[in-house]
Amino acid sequence: MKYDDLKWLCESRCEKEEKGIKIYAPSGSNYFVNPITGNVAAAAPFLYKEVTGDFLFRAKVGLDFVSTYDAAVLLALDHERLWAKACFEYTDLGTHSVVTVMTNGKSDDANGINVEGNEVWLQLARKDDIFAVHYSLDGKIYKMARLTWLPMSKTIKVGFEAQSPMGEGGMRSFEEILLVNTSLGDIRNGNM
């Protein structure tokens, strides 16, 4: 991925490194449409590329888990009320978890597998209007965390989001990055 091709929504501090990038999540940053109140939070650093059609997007993500909902995120965004998030997040249960948030008008919120340590590989894939989130503990074998239908436009924004909705903020790392226009033969199975 060429970082010079990327654009910002809610620009933040970014450090480009040989292995990848780090993005600073400021305090109060998040993407979430509260399913109870309808309140929209759409103010988190998002470094993206416009992608048309099917894709596979993956990265090894990491962060220091300090405050509830701190996360490193892969985000596919159509607009502020239609998007998919694959998160490595410090949950309100005190765990480091693969969390998925799908938003079609309002957001849902699903805690997945708990992970020991501060890094995991996340993957977000699109096949037509089906979106899947996968995770890997070794960067080789990917397992499904979520599958959903979202009626997104053919061209959407795909990239890295850094969030700290309840905390003081911090750096989020994204390494071993892959973004390709391809269709997984079986989108439930995250392996190419």
N, C-alpha and C. Protein backbone atom coordinates (compact mmCIF):
# COMPACT_ATOMS: atom_id res chain seq x y z
N MET A 1 0.85 -1.18 0.00
CA MET A 1 0.00 0.00 0.00
C MET A 1 0.89 1.24 0.00
N LYS A 2 0.55 2.19 -0.85
CA LYS A 2 1.28 3.45 -0.91
C LYS A 2 0.59 4.44 0.02
N TYR A 3 1.31 4.90 1.03
CA TYR A 3 0.72 5.80 2.00
C TYR A 3 0.45 7.18 1.42
N ASP A 4 1.17 7.55 0.34
CA ASP A 4 0.95 8.85 -0.28
C ASP A 4 -0.44 8.94 -0.92
N ASP A 5 -1.05 7.78 -1.22
CA ASP A 5 -2.37 7.75 -1.85
C ASP A 5 -3.51 7.89 -0.83
N LEU A 6 -3.18 7.85 0.46
CA LEU A 6 -4.21 7.86 1.49
C LEU A 6 -4.67 9.27 1.81
N LYS A 7 -5.94 9.37 2.24
CA LYS A 7 -6.54 10.65 2.60
C LYS A 7 -7.06 10.56 4.03
N TRP A 8 -7.31 11.73 4.62
CA TRP A 8 -7.79 11.80 6.00
C TRP A 8 -9.24 12.23 6.10
N LEU A 9 -9.95 11.63 7.04
CA LEU A 9 -11.11 12.22 7.68
C LEU A 9 -10.69 12.39 9.13
N CYS A 10 -10.85 13.56 9.70
CA CYS A 10 -10.42 13.84 11.08
C CYS A 10 -8.92 13.57 11.24
N GLU A 11 -8.12 14.34 10.56
CA GLU A 11 -6.67 14.13 10.54
C GLU A 11 -6.07 14.14 11.94
N SER A 12 -5.06 13.29 12.12
CA SER A 12 -4.35 13.19 13.39
C SER A 12 -2.87 13.01 13.11
N ARG A 13 -2.12 12.85 14.17
CA ARG A 13 -0.68 12.60 14.03
C ARG A 13 -0.49 11.18 13.49
N CYS A 14 0.42 11.05 12.53
CA CYS A 14 0.67 9.76 11.89
C CYS A 14 2.16 9.59 11.73
N GLU A 15 2.66 8.42 12.08
CA GLU A 15 4.08 8.10 11.91
C GLU A 15 4.20 6.95 10.94
N LYS A 16 4.85 7.19 9.81
CA LYS A 16 5.07 6.15 8.81
C LYS A 16 6.38 5.44 9.14
N GLU A 17 6.34 4.12 9.20
CA GLU A 17 7.50 3.33 9.54
C GLU A 17 7.72 2.26 8.48
N GLU A 18 8.85 1.61 8.54
CA GLU A 18 9.15 0.57 7.57
C GLU A 18 8.12 -0.55 7.59
N LYS A 19 7.66 -0.93 8.78
CA LYS A 19 6.71 -2.04 8.92
C LYS A 19 5.25 -1.62 8.70
N GLY A 20 4.97 -0.31 8.80
CA GLY A 20 3.59 0.13 8.69
C GLY A 20 3.43 1.55 9.15
N ILE A 21 2.32 1.82 9.85
CA ILE A 21 2.05 3.17 10.32
C ILE A 21 1.52 3.14 11.75
N LYS A 22 1.66 4.27 12.42
CA LYS A 22 1.05 4.49 13.73
C LYS A 22 0.20 5.74 13.62
N ILE A 23 -0.99 5.68 14.20
CA ILE A 23 -1.92 6.80 14.19
C ILE A 23 -2.31 7.11 15.62
N TYR A 24 -2.31 8.39 15.95
CA TYR A 24 -2.68 8.83 17.29
C TYR A 24 -4.20 8.97 17.39
N ALA A 25 -4.78 8.32 18.40
CA ALA A 25 -6.21 8.45 18.70
C ALA A 25 -6.38 9.49 19.79
N PRO A 26 -6.97 10.64 19.49
CA PRO A 26 -7.18 11.64 20.53
C PRO A 26 -8.31 11.24 21.48
N SER A 27 -8.35 11.88 22.61
CA SER A 27 -9.42 11.65 23.58
C SER A 27 -10.78 11.94 22.95
N GLY A 28 -11.74 11.07 23.21
CA GLY A 28 -13.10 11.25 22.71
C GLY A 28 -13.34 10.80 21.29
N SER A 29 -12.36 10.13 20.67
CA SER A 29 -12.49 9.74 19.26
C SER A 29 -13.24 8.41 19.13
N ASN A 30 -14.17 8.36 18.15
CA ASN A 30 -14.96 7.14 17.95
C ASN A 30 -15.82 7.26 16.70
N TYR A 31 -16.22 6.10 16.16
CA TYR A 31 -17.30 5.98 15.18
C TYR A 31 -18.33 5.05 15.81
N PHE A 32 -19.52 5.57 16.09
CA PHE A 32 -20.58 4.76 16.69
C PHE A 32 -21.88 5.52 16.58
N VAL A 33 -22.95 4.83 16.16
CA VAL A 33 -24.29 5.39 16.15
C VAL A 33 -25.07 4.64 17.21
N ASN A 34 -25.29 5.29 18.33
CA ASN A 34 -25.90 4.65 19.49
C ASN A 34 -27.27 4.08 19.14
N PRO A 35 -27.46 2.75 19.30
CA PRO A 35 -28.74 2.15 18.92
C PRO A 35 -29.89 2.54 19.85
N ILE A 36 -29.58 3.06 21.03
CA ILE A 36 -30.62 3.45 21.98
C ILE A 36 -31.03 4.90 21.77
N THR A 37 -30.03 5.79 21.69
CA THR A 37 -30.32 7.23 21.60
C THR A 37 -30.30 7.76 20.17
N GLY A 38 -29.61 7.05 19.27
CA GLY A 38 -29.45 7.54 17.91
C GLY A 38 -28.33 8.55 17.75
N ASN A 39 -27.64 8.90 18.84
CA ASN A 39 -26.54 9.87 18.78
C ASN A 39 -25.42 9.32 17.90
N VAL A 40 -24.87 10.21 17.05
CA VAL A 40 -23.82 9.82 16.11
C VAL A 40 -22.47 10.34 16.61
N ALA A 41 -21.52 9.43 16.76
CA ALA A 41 -20.12 9.80 17.01
C ALA A 41 -19.37 9.46 15.72
N ALA A 42 -18.89 10.47 15.04
CA ALA A 42 -18.17 10.25 13.78
C ALA A 42 -16.97 11.18 13.73
N ALA A 43 -16.18 11.13 14.80
CA ALA A 43 -15.02 12.01 14.91
C ALA A 43 -13.84 11.22 15.46
N ALA A 44 -13.28 10.38 14.60
CA ALA A 44 -12.07 9.65 14.95
C ALA A 44 -11.13 9.73 13.76
N PRO A 45 -9.82 9.74 13.99
CA PRO A 45 -8.89 9.76 12.88
C PRO A 45 -9.12 8.55 11.96
N PHE A 46 -9.26 8.82 10.68
CA PHE A 46 -9.52 7.77 9.70
C PHE A 46 -8.66 8.07 8.48
N LEU A 47 -7.67 7.22 8.24
CA LEU A 47 -6.76 7.33 7.10
C LEU A 47 -7.18 6.27 6.09
N TYR A 48 -7.62 6.69 4.91
CA TYR A 48 -8.31 5.76 4.02
C TYR A 48 -7.88 5.92 2.57
N LYS A 49 -8.34 4.93 1.80
CA LYS A 49 -8.22 4.93 0.35
C LYS A 49 -9.60 4.58 -0.20
N GLU A 50 -10.00 5.19 -1.30
CA GLU A 50 -11.26 4.81 -1.93
C GLU A 50 -11.06 3.51 -2.69
N VAL A 51 -11.95 2.56 -2.46
CA VAL A 51 -11.86 1.22 -3.05
C VAL A 51 -13.17 0.93 -3.76
N THR A 52 -13.09 0.44 -4.98
CA THR A 52 -14.26 0.07 -5.76
C THR A 52 -14.35 -1.44 -5.85
N GLY A 53 -15.53 -1.97 -5.53
CA GLY A 53 -15.77 -3.41 -5.66
C GLY A 53 -15.25 -4.22 -4.49
N ASP A 54 -15.10 -5.51 -4.76
CA ASP A 54 -14.69 -6.45 -3.72
C ASP A 54 -13.25 -6.19 -3.31
N PHE A 55 -12.95 -6.47 -2.05
CA PHE A 55 -11.60 -6.26 -1.54
C PHE A 55 -11.31 -7.18 -0.36
N LEU A 56 -10.04 -7.26 -0.04
CA LEU A 56 -9.54 -7.91 1.17
C LEU A 56 -8.55 -6.93 1.78
N PHE A 57 -8.75 -6.61 3.05
CA PHE A 57 -7.92 -5.64 3.77
C PHE A 57 -7.51 -6.27 5.08
N ARG A 58 -6.20 -6.33 5.32
CA ARG A 58 -5.74 -6.92 6.57
C ARG A 58 -4.53 -6.18 7.11
N ALA A 59 -4.35 -6.28 8.42
CA ALA A 59 -3.19 -5.68 9.09
C ALA A 59 -3.02 -6.32 10.46
N LYS A 60 -1.77 -6.34 10.89
CA LYS A 60 -1.46 -6.68 12.28
C LYS A 60 -1.63 -5.38 13.06
N VAL A 61 -2.52 -5.38 14.04
CA VAL A 61 -2.82 -4.16 14.79
C VAL A 61 -2.37 -4.31 16.23
N GLY A 62 -2.04 -3.20 16.84
CA GLY A 62 -1.61 -3.23 18.23
C GLY A 62 -1.83 -1.90 18.92
N LEU A 63 -1.93 -1.96 20.24
CA LEU A 63 -2.10 -0.77 21.06
C LEU A 63 -1.86 -1.11 22.51
N ASP A 64 -1.63 -0.06 23.30
CA ASP A 64 -1.61 -0.19 24.76
C ASP A 64 -3.05 -0.03 25.23
N PHE A 65 -3.53 -0.99 25.99
CA PHE A 65 -4.91 -0.96 26.46
C PHE A 65 -4.96 -0.19 27.78
N VAL A 66 -5.46 1.03 27.70
CA VAL A 66 -5.48 1.91 28.87
C VAL A 66 -6.91 2.16 29.35
N SER A 67 -7.79 2.55 28.42
CA SER A 67 -9.15 2.93 28.79
C SER A 67 -10.17 2.12 28.00
N THR A 68 -11.35 1.99 28.58
CA THR A 68 -12.43 1.24 27.95
C THR A 68 -12.69 1.77 26.55
N TYR A 69 -12.82 0.86 25.61
CA TYR A 69 -13.10 1.08 24.19
C TYR A 69 -11.92 1.63 23.40
N ASP A 70 -10.73 1.76 24.02
CA ASP A 70 -9.53 2.04 23.22
C ASP A 70 -9.41 0.95 22.17
N ALA A 71 -9.13 1.34 20.91
CA ALA A 71 -9.07 0.32 19.86
C ALA A 71 -8.25 0.78 18.66
N ALA A 72 -7.70 -0.21 17.99
CA ALA A 72 -7.13 -0.07 16.64
C ALA A 72 -8.14 -0.73 15.71
N VAL A 73 -8.49 -0.06 14.61
CA VAL A 73 -9.66 -0.45 13.83
C VAL A 73 -9.36 -0.46 12.34
N LEU A 74 -9.89 -1.47 11.64
CA LEU A 74 -10.01 -1.47 10.19
C LEU A 74 -11.46 -1.07 9.88
N LEU A 75 -11.64 -0.04 9.04
CA LEU A 75 -12.96 0.52 8.81
C LEU A 75 -13.27 0.57 7.32
N ALA A 76 -14.49 0.14 6.97
CA ALA A 76 -15.04 0.29 5.62
C ALA A 76 -16.24 1.22 5.75
N LEU A 77 -16.15 2.42 5.16
CA LEU A 77 -17.12 3.48 5.39
C LEU A 77 -17.77 3.94 4.09
N ASP A 78 -19.10 3.89 4.06
CA ASP A 78 -19.87 4.50 2.98
C ASP A 78 -20.22 5.93 3.37
N HIS A 79 -20.88 6.09 4.52
CA HIS A 79 -21.17 7.40 5.11
C HIS A 79 -21.35 7.21 6.60
N GLU A 80 -21.65 8.30 7.34
CA GLU A 80 -21.60 8.23 8.81
C GLU A 80 -22.64 7.30 9.42
N ARG A 81 -23.58 6.80 8.65
CA ARG A 81 -24.56 5.85 9.18
C ARG A 81 -24.54 4.50 8.45
N LEU A 82 -23.47 4.25 7.67
CA LEU A 82 -23.35 2.97 6.96
C LEU A 82 -21.89 2.59 6.86
N TRP A 83 -21.48 1.63 7.71
CA TRP A 83 -20.08 1.22 7.75
C TRP A 83 -19.89 -0.07 8.53
N ALA A 84 -18.67 -0.63 8.40
CA ALA A 84 -18.28 -1.86 9.11
C ALA A 84 -16.93 -1.63 9.79
N LYS A 85 -16.83 -2.03 11.06
CA LYS A 85 -15.59 -1.88 11.83
C LYS A 85 -15.12 -3.25 12.32
N ALA A 86 -13.83 -3.50 12.12
CA ALA A 86 -13.14 -4.64 12.75
C ALA A 86 -12.17 -4.03 13.76
N CYS A 87 -12.38 -4.33 15.03
CA CYS A 87 -11.63 -3.65 16.10
C CYS A 87 -10.84 -4.65 16.95
N PHE A 88 -9.70 -4.20 17.42
CA PHE A 88 -9.02 -4.86 18.54
C PHE A 88 -9.17 -3.87 19.68
N GLU A 89 -9.97 -4.23 20.69
CA GLU A 89 -10.52 -3.25 21.62
C GLU A 89 -10.39 -3.69 23.07
N TYR A 90 -10.23 -2.70 23.94
CA TYR A 90 -10.28 -2.90 25.38
C TYR A 90 -11.75 -2.79 25.78
N THR A 91 -12.39 -3.92 26.05
CA THR A 91 -13.83 -3.93 26.26
C THR A 91 -14.22 -3.45 27.65
N ASP A 92 -15.51 -3.22 27.82
CA ASP A 92 -16.04 -2.84 29.12
C ASP A 92 -16.05 -4.02 30.10
N LEU A 93 -15.63 -5.20 29.64
CA LEU A 93 -15.46 -6.37 30.51
C LEU A 93 -14.01 -6.51 30.96
N GLY A 94 -13.15 -5.57 30.51
CA GLY A 94 -11.75 -5.60 30.89
C GLY A 94 -10.90 -6.55 30.08
N THR A 95 -11.39 -6.96 28.90
CA THR A 95 -10.67 -7.91 28.05
C THR A 95 -10.12 -7.21 26.81
N HIS A 96 -9.11 -7.83 26.20
CA HIS A 96 -8.59 -7.41 24.89
C HIS A 96 -9.30 -8.30 23.89
N SER A 97 -10.20 -7.75 23.10
CA SER A 97 -11.07 -8.58 22.27
C SER A 97 -11.14 -8.11 20.82
N VAL A 98 -11.41 -9.08 19.94
CA VAL A 98 -11.79 -8.76 18.57
C VAL A 98 -13.27 -8.38 18.64
N VAL A 99 -13.55 -7.12 18.34
CA VAL A 99 -14.90 -6.59 18.43
C VAL A 99 -15.34 -6.16 17.04
N THR A 100 -16.59 -6.45 16.70
CA THR A 100 -17.13 -6.03 15.41
C THR A 100 -18.30 -5.08 15.65
N VAL A 101 -18.37 -4.04 14.83
CA VAL A 101 -19.46 -3.08 14.89
C VAL A 101 -19.94 -2.86 13.47
N MET A 102 -21.19 -3.20 13.21
CA MET A 102 -21.80 -3.00 11.91
C MET A 102 -22.88 -1.94 12.05
N THR A 103 -22.89 -0.99 11.11
CA THR A 103 -23.81 0.14 11.22
C THR A 103 -24.58 0.30 9.92
N ASN A 104 -25.89 0.19 10.06
CA ASN A 104 -26.81 0.44 8.96
C ASN A 104 -27.95 1.26 9.55
N GLY A 105 -27.75 2.57 9.63
CA GLY A 105 -28.67 3.45 10.34
C GLY A 105 -28.24 3.63 11.78
N LYS A 106 -28.17 2.52 12.53
CA LYS A 106 -27.67 2.49 13.89
C LYS A 106 -26.64 1.38 14.01
N SER A 107 -25.80 1.48 15.03
CA SER A 107 -24.73 0.49 15.22
C SER A 107 -25.19 -0.65 16.10
N ASP A 108 -24.61 -1.82 15.84
CA ASP A 108 -24.65 -2.89 16.82
C ASP A 108 -23.25 -2.96 17.43
N ASP A 109 -23.02 -3.89 18.31
CA ASP A 109 -21.73 -3.97 19.00
C ASP A 109 -21.58 -5.40 19.50
N ALA A 110 -20.57 -6.12 18.98
CA ALA A 110 -20.43 -7.53 19.34
C ALA A 110 -19.00 -7.84 19.77
N ASN A 111 -18.85 -8.21 21.03
CA ASN A 111 -17.55 -8.68 21.52
C ASN A 111 -17.31 -10.09 21.02
N GLY A 112 -16.10 -10.33 20.52
CA GLY A 112 -15.74 -11.65 20.03
C GLY A 112 -14.69 -12.29 20.91
N ILE A 113 -13.76 -12.98 20.28
CA ILE A 113 -12.74 -13.73 20.98
C ILE A 113 -11.84 -12.80 21.80
N ASN A 114 -11.48 -13.24 23.01
CA ASN A 114 -10.50 -12.53 23.82
C ASN A 114 -9.11 -12.96 23.40
N VAL A 115 -8.17 -12.02 23.39
CA VAL A 115 -6.81 -12.26 22.93
C VAL A 115 -5.83 -11.87 24.02
N GLU A 116 -4.89 -12.75 24.33
CA GLU A 116 -3.81 -12.42 25.26
C GLU A 116 -2.82 -11.53 24.52
N GLY A 117 -2.33 -10.51 25.18
CA GLY A 117 -1.34 -9.64 24.57
C GLY A 117 -1.94 -8.42 23.92
N ASN A 118 -1.10 -7.65 23.22
CA ASN A 118 -1.50 -6.36 22.68
C ASN A 118 -1.52 -6.30 21.16
N GLU A 119 -1.45 -7.46 20.48
CA GLU A 119 -1.47 -7.47 19.02
C GLU A 119 -2.32 -8.63 18.50
N VAL A 120 -2.93 -8.40 17.35
CA VAL A 120 -3.67 -9.44 16.64
C VAL A 120 -3.76 -9.01 15.18
N TRP A 121 -3.96 -9.96 14.29
CA TRP A 121 -4.19 -9.64 12.88
C TRP A 121 -5.69 -9.54 12.66
N LEU A 122 -6.13 -8.46 12.01
CA LEU A 122 -7.53 -8.27 11.65
C LEU A 122 -7.66 -8.26 10.14
N GLN A 123 -8.82 -8.67 9.67
CA GLN A 123 -9.10 -8.67 8.24
C GLN A 123 -10.54 -8.27 8.01
N LEU A 124 -10.75 -7.42 7.01
CA LEU A 124 -12.07 -6.99 6.60
C LEU A 124 -12.18 -7.30 5.11
N ALA A 125 -13.25 -8.00 4.72
CA ALA A 125 -13.40 -8.40 3.32
C ALA A 125 -14.81 -8.07 2.84
N ARG A 126 -14.88 -7.73 1.54
CA ARG A 126 -16.17 -7.46 0.90
C ARG A 126 -16.33 -8.37 -0.31
N LYS A 127 -17.54 -8.90 -0.46
CA LYS A 127 -17.94 -9.65 -1.65
C LYS A 127 -19.37 -9.21 -1.96
N ASP A 128 -19.52 -8.38 -2.99
CA ASP A 128 -20.80 -7.73 -3.30
C ASP A 128 -21.22 -6.89 -2.08
N ASP A 129 -22.36 -7.18 -1.49
CA ASP A 129 -22.80 -6.44 -0.30
C ASP A 129 -22.65 -7.26 0.98
N ILE A 130 -21.85 -8.31 0.92
CA ILE A 130 -21.55 -9.11 2.10
C ILE A 130 -20.19 -8.67 2.63
N PHE A 131 -20.13 -8.38 3.93
CA PHE A 131 -18.89 -7.97 4.59
C PHE A 131 -18.56 -8.98 5.68
N ALA A 132 -17.28 -9.33 5.77
CA ALA A 132 -16.84 -10.29 6.78
C ALA A 132 -15.64 -9.72 7.52
N VAL A 133 -15.60 -10.02 8.81
CA VAL A 133 -14.45 -9.71 9.65
C VAL A 133 -13.82 -11.03 10.06
N HIS A 134 -12.50 -11.11 9.90
CA HIS A 134 -11.75 -12.28 10.33
C HIS A 134 -10.61 -11.82 11.23
N TYR A 135 -10.08 -12.75 12.01
CA TYR A 135 -8.94 -12.47 12.86
C TYR A 135 -7.95 -13.62 12.76
N SER A 136 -6.71 -13.35 13.13
CA SER A 136 -5.69 -14.38 13.15
C SER A 136 -4.77 -14.14 14.33
N LEU A 137 -4.37 -15.21 14.97
CA LEU A 137 -3.42 -15.12 16.09
C LEU A 137 -1.98 -15.26 15.61
N ASP A 138 -1.80 -15.74 14.35
CA ASP A 138 -0.44 -15.97 13.85
C ASP A 138 -0.17 -15.30 12.51
N GLY A 139 -1.16 -14.61 11.94
CA GLY A 139 -0.99 -13.96 10.64
C GLY A 139 -1.09 -14.91 9.47
N LYS A 140 -1.45 -16.16 9.74
CA LYS A 140 -1.53 -17.17 8.67
C LYS A 140 -2.93 -17.76 8.54
N ILE A 141 -3.49 -18.21 9.63
CA ILE A 141 -4.82 -18.83 9.63
C ILE A 141 -5.83 -17.81 10.14
N TYR A 142 -6.80 -17.45 9.27
CA TYR A 142 -7.82 -16.47 9.63
C TYR A 142 -9.14 -17.18 9.90
N LYS A 143 -9.81 -16.76 10.99
CA LYS A 143 -11.10 -17.32 11.38
C LYS A 143 -12.14 -16.20 11.38
N MET A 144 -13.38 -16.58 11.07
CA MET A 144 -14.43 -15.58 10.98
C MET A 144 -14.87 -15.10 12.36
N ALA A 145 -15.01 -13.78 12.48
CA ALA A 145 -15.59 -13.18 13.67
C ALA A 145 -17.00 -12.66 13.40
N ARG A 146 -17.28 -12.33 12.12
CA ARG A 146 -18.57 -11.72 11.81
C ARG A 146 -18.83 -11.79 10.32
N LEU A 147 -20.09 -11.94 9.95
CA LEU A 147 -20.54 -11.91 8.56
C LEU A 147 -21.86 -11.14 8.54
N THR A 148 -22.00 -10.18 7.62
CA THR A 148 -23.23 -9.41 7.57
C THR A 148 -23.46 -8.87 6.16
N TRP A 149 -24.68 -8.43 5.92
CA TRP A 149 -25.06 -7.76 4.68
C TRP A 149 -25.19 -6.27 4.95
N LEU A 150 -24.51 -5.46 4.14
CA LEU A 150 -24.62 -4.01 4.24
C LEU A 150 -24.73 -3.44 2.83
N PRO A 151 -25.76 -2.65 2.54
CA PRO A 151 -25.99 -2.15 1.18
C PRO A 151 -25.14 -0.92 0.87
N MET A 152 -23.83 -1.10 0.81
CA MET A 152 -22.92 0.03 0.58
C MET A 152 -22.79 0.33 -0.91
N SER A 153 -22.35 1.55 -1.18
CA SER A 153 -22.06 1.96 -2.55
C SER A 153 -20.94 1.10 -3.12
N LYS A 154 -20.82 1.10 -4.42
CA LYS A 154 -19.76 0.31 -5.07
C LYS A 154 -18.38 0.82 -4.68
N THR A 155 -18.22 2.14 -4.55
CA THR A 155 -16.95 2.73 -4.12
C THR A 155 -17.12 3.29 -2.72
N ILE A 156 -16.26 2.85 -1.80
CA ILE A 156 -16.33 3.28 -0.41
C ILE A 156 -14.92 3.62 0.09
N LYS A 157 -14.85 4.15 1.29
CA LYS A 157 -13.58 4.47 1.93
C LYS A 157 -13.16 3.28 2.80
N VAL A 158 -11.91 2.84 2.64
CA VAL A 158 -11.39 1.70 3.39
C VAL A 158 -10.06 2.11 4.01
N GLY A 159 -9.91 1.89 5.31
CA GLY A 159 -8.65 2.28 5.92
C GLY A 159 -8.58 2.04 7.41
N PHE A 160 -7.72 2.85 8.05
CA PHE A 160 -7.34 2.68 9.45
C PHE A 160 -8.01 3.74 10.30
N GLU A 161 -8.63 3.29 11.38
CA GLU A 161 -9.24 4.22 12.34
C GLU A 161 -8.59 4.00 13.70
N ALA A 162 -8.38 5.09 14.44
CA ALA A 162 -7.80 5.03 15.78
C ALA A 162 -8.78 5.68 16.74
N GLN A 163 -9.16 4.95 17.80
CA GLN A 163 -10.18 5.49 18.69
C GLN A 163 -9.82 5.38 20.16
N SER A 164 -10.37 6.34 20.92
CA SER A 164 -10.26 6.36 22.38
C SER A 164 -11.46 7.14 22.91
N PRO A 165 -12.67 6.56 22.83
CA PRO A 165 -13.87 7.32 23.15
C PRO A 165 -13.99 7.75 24.61
N MET A 166 -13.40 6.98 25.53
CA MET A 166 -13.54 7.30 26.95
C MET A 166 -12.20 7.62 27.61
N GLY A 167 -11.12 7.54 26.85
CA GLY A 167 -9.80 7.68 27.44
C GLY A 167 -9.08 8.95 27.06
N GLU A 168 -7.81 8.97 27.39
CA GLU A 168 -6.96 10.13 27.12
C GLU A 168 -6.28 10.05 25.76
N GLY A 169 -6.48 8.95 25.03
CA GLY A 169 -5.88 8.79 23.72
C GLY A 169 -4.61 7.97 23.75
N GLY A 170 -4.02 7.76 22.57
CA GLY A 170 -2.79 6.99 22.47
C GLY A 170 -2.54 6.54 21.04
N MET A 171 -1.36 5.98 20.82
CA MET A 171 -0.97 5.53 19.48
C MET A 171 -1.56 4.15 19.19
N ARG A 172 -1.91 3.93 17.92
CA ARG A 172 -2.40 2.65 17.43
C ARG A 172 -1.50 2.25 16.27
N SER A 173 -1.04 1.00 16.27
CA SER A 173 -0.12 0.57 15.21
C SER A 173 -0.80 -0.37 14.23
N PHE A 174 -0.38 -0.25 12.96
CA PHE A 174 -0.89 -1.07 11.86
C PHE A 174 0.31 -1.52 11.05
N GLU A 175 0.58 -2.83 11.03
CA GLU A 175 1.74 -3.38 10.32
C GLU A 175 1.29 -4.52 9.41
N GLU A 176 2.22 -4.99 8.56
CA GLU A 176 1.95 -6.11 7.65
C GLU A 176 0.64 -5.88 6.89
N ILE A 177 0.53 -4.72 6.30
CA ILE A 177 -0.72 -4.25 5.69
C ILE A 177 -0.88 -4.81 4.28
N LEU A 178 -2.11 -5.27 4.00
CA LEU A 178 -2.45 -5.76 2.68
C LEU A 178 -3.83 -5.23 2.32
N LEU A 179 -3.94 -4.57 1.16
CA LEU A 179 -5.23 -4.14 0.63
C LEU A 179 -5.24 -4.46 -0.85
N VAL A 180 -6.11 -5.40 -1.24
CA VAL A 180 -6.16 -5.83 -2.63
C VAL A 180 -7.61 -5.94 -3.08
N ASN A 181 -7.83 -5.64 -4.37
CA ASN A 181 -9.13 -5.88 -4.98
C ASN A 181 -9.20 -7.35 -5.36
N THR A 182 -9.92 -8.11 -4.59
CA THR A 182 -10.09 -9.53 -4.84
C THR A 182 -11.36 -9.99 -4.17
N SER A 183 -11.88 -11.12 -4.60
CA SER A 183 -13.04 -11.73 -3.97
C SER A 183 -12.62 -13.05 -3.34
N LEU A 184 -12.92 -13.20 -2.06
CA LEU A 184 -12.69 -14.51 -1.45
C LEU A 184 -13.69 -15.49 -2.02
N GLY A 185 -13.22 -16.67 -2.39
CA GLY A 185 -14.11 -17.69 -2.91
C GLY A 185 -15.21 -18.03 -1.91
N ASP A 186 -14.84 -18.17 -0.65
CA ASP A 186 -15.77 -18.42 0.45
C ASP A 186 -15.52 -17.31 1.46
N ILE A 187 -16.40 -16.33 1.52
CA ILE A 187 -16.16 -15.18 2.38
C ILE A 187 -16.25 -15.53 3.86
N ARG A 188 -16.87 -16.66 4.19
CA ARG A 188 -16.87 -17.10 5.59
C ARG A 188 -15.46 -17.56 6.00
N ASN A 189 -14.74 -18.09 5.04
CA ASN A 189 -13.38 -18.56 5.28
C ASN A 189 -12.45 -17.43 4.88
N GLY A 190 -11.72 -16.88 5.82
CA GLY A 190 -10.91 -15.71 5.55
C GLY A 190 -9.58 -15.95 4.90
N ASN A 191 -9.30 -17.18 4.52
CA ASN A 191 -7.99 -17.50 3.95
C ASN A 191 -8.06 -17.44 2.43
N MET A 192 -7.03 -16.82 1.84
CA MET A 192 -6.99 -16.66 0.39
C MET A 192 -6.55 -17.95 -0.29
